[in-house]
Protein backbone atom coordinates (compact mmCIF):
# COMPACT_ATOMS: atom_id res chain seq x y z
CA MET A 1 -32.23 -0.84 -6.42
CA THR A 2 -29.52 -3.36 -5.55
CA LEU A 3 -29.59 -7.15 -5.37
CA GLU A 4 -27.40 -8.77 -2.71
CA VAL A 5 -26.94 -12.51 -2.17
CA TYR A 6 -25.09 -14.07 0.76
CA THR A 7 -24.16 -17.73 1.18
CA ASP A 8 -22.52 -19.75 3.91
CA ALA A 9 -21.58 -23.37 4.51
CA ASP A 10 -20.44 -25.35 7.52
CA TYR A 11 -18.67 -28.50 6.36
CA THR A 12 -19.17 -31.51 8.66
CA GLY A 13 -20.22 -29.07 11.34
CA SER A 14 -22.46 -31.44 13.26
CA PRO A 15 -20.35 -33.62 15.58
CA VAL A 16 -23.18 -36.15 15.81
CA ASP A 17 -23.72 -37.04 12.15
CA ARG A 18 -20.88 -35.14 10.36
CA ARG A 19 -23.35 -33.65 7.87
CA SER A 20 -22.86 -30.16 6.46
CA THR A 21 -25.23 -27.23 6.72
CA SER A 22 -25.49 -24.64 3.97
CA GLY A 23 -27.71 -21.69 3.27
CA TYR A 24 -28.32 -18.43 1.48
CA CYS A 25 -30.32 -15.23 1.73
CA THR A 26 -31.27 -12.71 -0.94
CA PHE A 27 -31.92 -9.01 -0.40
CA LEU A 28 -33.50 -6.65 -2.92
CA GLY A 29 -33.24 -2.97 -2.11
CA GLY A 30 -32.20 -3.83 1.45
CA ASN A 31 -35.26 -6.04 2.05
CA LEU A 32 -35.02 -9.79 2.64
CA VAL A 33 -36.69 -11.57 -0.28
CA THR A 34 -35.71 -15.24 0.11
CA TRP A 35 -33.66 -17.42 2.43
CA ARG A 36 -32.94 -21.08 2.95
CA SER A 37 -30.90 -23.20 5.33
CA LYS A 38 -30.50 -26.91 4.82
CA LYS A 39 -28.68 -29.76 6.48
CA GLN A 40 -27.34 -31.97 3.71
CA ASN A 41 -28.53 -35.59 3.46
CA ALA A 42 -25.04 -36.90 2.71
CA VAL A 43 -21.61 -36.05 4.05
CA ALA A 44 -19.97 -33.69 1.52
CA ARG A 45 -16.29 -32.80 1.44
CA SER A 46 -16.88 -29.60 -0.57
CA SER A 47 -19.72 -27.33 -1.65
CA ALA A 48 -19.43 -28.81 -5.16
CA GLU A 49 -20.73 -32.10 -3.74
CA ALA A 50 -23.65 -30.55 -1.86
CA GLU A 51 -27.10 -30.37 -3.46
CA TYR A 52 -30.20 -28.28 -2.79
C-alpha cells in the first residue's frame, strides 16, 4: 500500500484581493483520504509565510 501526497499553491492568484490559495490531497492505496483547499487570510510572498 502506498501513501501519496500532492500540494499546490497559487501565490497572489486572485486579481481582486491578491491573496494566495493553497491546498493538498492525500491518497492511500490509490484512494483519496483527505484534501483541503484554502484561500489565505493574508497576502503571503512565499509558502513559508502561509498558514493552515
